[in-house]
């Protein structure tokens, strides 16, 4: 009777604090981590973007303003939007991020579906990097929408109205269909079975490759991270 509410408040406060900085979607490491093991040790440049989300329940209602980071993966952005849009609804009654697509709207006609993985995903040797807002060059103040997941190939209508930054994605996205399922959000390294590539987001997991760099990373003096850890706590 008395523990539920303060625990929920504490959970929300920690979540809000952590999400102010980058969180690696695959390893779970974060800039504002409470655990020394899960602290991002690399310097990651990121910007906070203010996004205006169209209300999924009512397109004519006022837009919901949500802050996200340009280094967030598309699924991370969807989670933040769902938290903001459905903050008054029980979690069990909210739509799930995996059932929704994130749509970037520019003007009335130009709409583009953003995904964690699609034909524009950058692949370097055997590393495949999850798409982020920065990858799509989403700008501050953009209008976005959560729409029910599209299973068929998504055609871009009226592509002439696209901004220059998107023009190179047009032809690729016209032929792209959405991936069947979004990967589980559990922090783990999942090799992509088809291409044998390893997924990464902000930090690469140096289990077997680049051993030298991995060693150096783990021996770095933790004092420089201590102040950040303490400030977060």
Protein backbone atom coordinates (compact mmCIF):
# COMPACT_ATOMS: atom_id res chain seq x y z
CA UNK A 1 0.00 0.00 0.00
CA UNK A 2 2.78 2.45 0.76
CA UNK A 3 5.80 1.22 -1.25
CA UNK A 4 4.37 1.26 -4.77
CA UNK A 5 4.17 4.98 -5.39
CA UNK A 6 7.61 6.03 -4.06
CA UNK A 7 9.24 3.09 -5.87
CA UNK A 8 7.57 4.11 -9.11
CA UNK A 9 8.67 7.72 -8.60
CA UNK A 10 12.23 6.57 -7.95
CA UNK A 11 12.19 4.37 -11.06
CA UNK A 12 10.91 7.25 -13.22
CA UNK A 13 13.49 9.64 -11.78
CA UNK A 14 16.40 7.26 -12.43
CA UNK A 15 15.12 6.55 -15.95
CA UNK A 16 14.80 10.26 -16.70
CA UNK A 17 18.30 10.96 -15.37
CA UNK A 18 19.88 8.12 -17.36
CA UNK A 19 18.09 9.00 -20.60
CA UNK A 20 19.56 12.53 -20.55
CA UNK A 21 22.76 10.95 -21.86
CA UNK A 22 23.58 8.24 -24.41
CA UNK A 23 22.67 4.63 -23.59
CA UNK A 24 24.09 1.85 -25.76
CA UNK A 25 21.12 -0.13 -27.09
CA UNK A 26 23.12 -3.35 -27.32
CA UNK A 27 25.47 -3.44 -24.32
CA UNK A 28 23.30 -1.36 -21.96
CA UNK A 29 26.27 0.89 -21.13
CA UNK A 30 25.31 4.48 -20.35
CA UNK A 31 26.94 7.85 -19.81
CA UNK A 32 24.85 8.45 -16.71
CA UNK A 33 25.08 4.94 -15.32
CA UNK A 34 24.78 4.04 -11.64
CA UNK A 35 27.06 1.06 -12.18
CA UNK A 36 30.77 1.38 -12.82
CA UNK A 37 30.67 -1.75 -15.02
CA UNK A 38 28.09 -0.21 -17.31
CA UNK A 39 29.64 3.23 -17.70
CA UNK A 40 30.43 4.38 -21.24
CA UNK A 41 34.13 5.17 -21.12
CA UNK A 42 34.48 6.55 -24.64
CA UNK A 43 33.82 10.17 -25.46
CA UNK A 44 30.56 10.29 -27.38
CA UNK A 45 29.47 13.51 -29.01
CA UNK A 46 25.73 13.95 -28.93
CA UNK A 47 23.11 16.66 -29.18
CA UNK A 48 19.70 16.89 -27.55
CA UNK A 49 16.93 17.28 -30.12
CA UNK A 50 13.43 18.58 -29.44
CA UNK A 51 10.95 16.51 -31.43
CA UNK A 52 7.27 17.24 -31.97
CA UNK A 53 5.29 14.02 -31.96
CA UNK A 54 1.88 13.87 -33.62
CA UNK A 55 -0.63 12.45 -31.13
CA UNK A 56 -1.25 8.85 -32.30
CA UNK A 57 -4.75 8.86 -30.78
CA UNK A 58 -5.81 12.07 -32.48
CA UNK A 59 -3.92 13.68 -35.39
CA UNK A 60 -5.68 17.01 -34.81
CA UNK A 61 -4.78 17.27 -31.13
CA UNK A 62 -1.75 19.31 -30.16
CA UNK A 63 1.65 17.72 -30.72
CA UNK A 64 3.57 16.24 -27.80
CA UNK A 65 7.05 17.74 -27.37
CA UNK A 66 9.69 15.14 -26.52
CA UNK A 67 13.43 15.46 -26.02
CA UNK A 68 15.64 12.82 -27.62
CA UNK A 69 19.32 12.47 -28.46
CA UNK A 70 20.71 12.41 -31.97
CA UNK A 71 22.68 9.29 -31.01
CA UNK A 72 19.51 7.40 -29.97
CA UNK A 73 18.54 4.35 -32.03
CA UNK A 74 15.10 4.43 -33.61
CA UNK A 75 13.73 1.99 -31.02
CA UNK A 76 15.10 4.16 -28.19
CA UNK A 77 13.32 7.18 -29.69
CA UNK A 78 10.08 5.22 -29.98
CA UNK A 79 10.33 4.22 -26.29
CA UNK A 80 10.81 7.86 -25.27
CA UNK A 81 7.85 8.95 -27.40
CA UNK A 82 5.60 6.24 -25.97
CA UNK A 83 6.62 7.25 -22.43
CA UNK A 84 5.63 10.84 -23.14
CA UNK A 85 2.46 10.25 -25.17
CA UNK A 86 1.03 7.55 -22.89
CA UNK A 87 2.29 8.84 -19.55
CA UNK A 88 -1.25 8.81 -18.18
CA UNK A 89 -2.00 5.26 -19.31
CA UNK A 90 -1.12 2.00 -17.56
CA UNK A 91 1.94 0.38 -19.14
CA UNK A 92 -0.09 -2.73 -20.01
CA UNK A 93 -2.45 -0.66 -22.16
CA UNK A 94 0.21 1.14 -24.18
CA UNK A 95 1.20 0.09 -27.69
CA UNK A 96 4.59 -1.61 -27.82
CA UNK A 97 7.52 0.03 -29.63
CA UNK A 98 7.88 -3.05 -31.84
CA UNK A 99 4.28 -2.65 -33.09
CA UNK A 100 4.85 0.96 -34.15
CA UNK A 101 6.87 2.58 -36.91
CA UNK A 102 8.56 5.95 -36.52
CA UNK A 103 7.67 8.31 -39.33
CA UNK A 104 9.52 11.56 -40.04
CA UNK A 105 7.20 14.11 -41.60
CA UNK A 106 8.26 17.01 -43.72
CA UNK A 107 5.40 19.09 -45.02
CA UNK A 108 2.16 17.38 -45.91
CA UNK A 109 3.37 14.76 -48.35
CA UNK A 110 6.95 13.87 -47.58
CA UNK A 111 7.07 11.07 -45.04
CA UNK A 112 9.84 8.62 -44.34
CA UNK A 113 9.86 5.55 -42.09
CA UNK A 114 12.94 5.33 -39.85
CA UNK A 115 14.18 1.96 -38.62
CA UNK A 116 17.02 0.48 -36.54
CA UNK A 117 18.11 -1.52 -39.58
CA UNK A 118 17.34 -0.98 -43.25
CA UNK A 119 19.19 -0.72 -46.56
CA UNK A 120 20.93 2.47 -45.43
CA UNK A 121 22.53 0.78 -42.38
CA UNK A 122 26.31 1.24 -42.33
CA UNK A 123 28.31 -1.99 -42.44
CA UNK A 124 32.05 -1.87 -41.80
CA UNK A 125 33.87 -5.21 -42.14
CA UNK A 126 31.80 -7.46 -39.90
CA UNK A 127 30.29 -4.67 -37.79
CA UNK A 128 26.82 -3.39 -38.55
CA UNK A 129 25.82 -0.13 -36.87
CA UNK A 130 22.26 0.45 -35.72
CA UNK A 131 20.64 3.50 -37.30
CA UNK A 132 20.27 6.60 -35.14
CA UNK A 133 18.56 9.97 -35.60
CA UNK A 134 21.95 11.40 -36.60
CA UNK A 135 22.29 8.68 -39.28
CA UNK A 136 19.07 9.95 -40.89
CA UNK A 137 20.12 13.57 -40.26
CA UNK A 138 16.94 14.31 -38.33
CA UNK A 139 17.01 17.99 -37.34
CA UNK A 140 16.03 19.78 -34.14
CA UNK A 141 12.34 20.67 -34.08
CA UNK A 142 11.31 17.92 -36.53
CA UNK A 143 7.75 16.61 -36.65
CA UNK A 144 7.52 12.86 -36.19
CA UNK A 145 4.69 10.39 -35.77
CA UNK A 146 4.15 6.91 -34.39
CA UNK A 147 2.17 4.88 -36.89
CA UNK A 148 1.08 1.22 -36.85
CA UNK A 149 3.86 -0.97 -38.24
CA UNK A 150 3.97 -1.28 -42.01
CA UNK A 151 4.68 -4.78 -43.23
CA UNK A 152 4.71 -4.16 -46.95
CA UNK A 153 7.34 -2.23 -48.87
CA UNK A 154 7.02 1.41 -47.97
CA UNK A 155 6.75 3.74 -50.91
CA UNK A 156 7.75 7.33 -50.60
CA UNK A 157 5.20 9.58 -52.18
CA UNK A 158 6.07 12.90 -53.74
CA UNK A 159 9.80 12.55 -53.16
CA UNK A 160 10.49 15.88 -54.89
CA UNK A 161 9.52 17.65 -51.68
CA UNK A 162 12.27 15.94 -49.73
CA UNK A 163 15.11 17.93 -48.30
CA UNK A 164 18.53 17.50 -49.82
CA UNK A 165 19.77 15.48 -46.87
CA UNK A 166 17.25 12.73 -47.63
CA UNK A 167 17.64 12.59 -51.38
CA UNK A 168 20.35 9.93 -51.23
CA UNK A 169 18.07 7.63 -49.24
CA UNK A 170 15.09 7.98 -51.57
CA UNK A 171 15.91 5.34 -54.15
CA UNK A 172 17.17 2.93 -51.51
CA UNK A 173 14.14 3.32 -49.30
CA UNK A 174 11.72 2.99 -52.16
CA UNK A 175 12.82 -0.58 -52.59
CA UNK A 176 13.30 -1.34 -48.90
CA UNK A 177 10.76 -3.22 -46.88
CA UNK A 178 10.71 -3.12 -43.13
CA UNK A 179 12.64 -5.79 -41.24
CA UNK A 180 10.34 -8.53 -39.92
CA UNK A 181 11.03 -7.94 -36.29
CA UNK A 182 12.92 -5.47 -34.21
CA UNK A 183 15.65 -7.06 -32.22
CA UNK A 184 14.99 -7.66 -28.58
CA UNK A 185 16.04 -4.76 -26.37
CA UNK A 186 17.95 -7.06 -24.03
CA UNK A 187 21.53 -5.82 -23.87
CA UNK A 188 23.45 -8.58 -25.60
CA UNK A 189 25.58 -9.03 -28.64
CA UNK A 190 23.51 -10.70 -31.31
CA UNK A 191 25.39 -11.69 -34.43
CA UNK A 192 23.29 -11.25 -37.52
CA UNK A 193 22.88 -14.79 -38.83
CA UNK A 194 22.42 -13.86 -42.48
CA UNK A 195 25.56 -11.80 -42.93
CA UNK A 196 27.58 -12.87 -39.92
CA UNK A 197 27.93 -9.27 -38.83
CA UNK A 198 28.01 -8.07 -35.25
CA UNK A 199 25.63 -5.31 -34.29
CA UNK A 200 26.86 -2.23 -32.47
CA UNK A 201 25.47 1.13 -31.47
CA UNK A 202 27.80 3.42 -29.48
CA UNK A 203 30.58 1.13 -28.28
CA UNK A 204 31.96 -2.00 -29.89
CA UNK A 205 32.25 -5.04 -27.70
CA UNK A 206 35.93 -6.03 -27.97
CA UNK A 207 35.60 -9.69 -27.12
CA UNK A 208 37.77 -11.17 -29.78
CA UNK A 209 38.81 -8.45 -32.18
CA UNK A 210 41.11 -5.54 -31.53
CA UNK A 211 42.36 -7.04 -28.29
CA UNK A 212 45.01 -4.38 -27.83
CA UNK A 213 42.55 -1.53 -27.89
CA UNK A 214 40.24 -3.46 -25.58
CA UNK A 215 42.99 -3.95 -23.00
CA UNK A 216 43.87 -0.31 -23.03
CA UNK A 217 40.22 0.62 -22.61
CA UNK A 218 39.71 -1.57 -19.55
CA UNK A 219 42.87 -0.36 -17.78
CA UNK A 220 42.03 3.31 -18.18
CA UNK A 221 42.02 5.11 -14.85
CA UNK A 222 38.56 5.01 -13.41
CA UNK A 223 39.08 8.24 -11.41
CA UNK A 224 38.16 10.33 -14.45
CA UNK A 225 34.78 8.60 -14.53
CA UNK A 226 34.30 8.68 -10.79
CA UNK A 227 33.05 12.27 -10.70
CA UNK A 228 30.41 11.51 -13.34
CA UNK A 229 29.36 8.35 -11.48
CA UNK A 230 29.07 10.26 -8.18
CA UNK A 231 27.20 13.15 -9.77
CA UNK A 232 24.68 10.72 -11.26
CA UNK A 233 24.26 8.97 -7.91
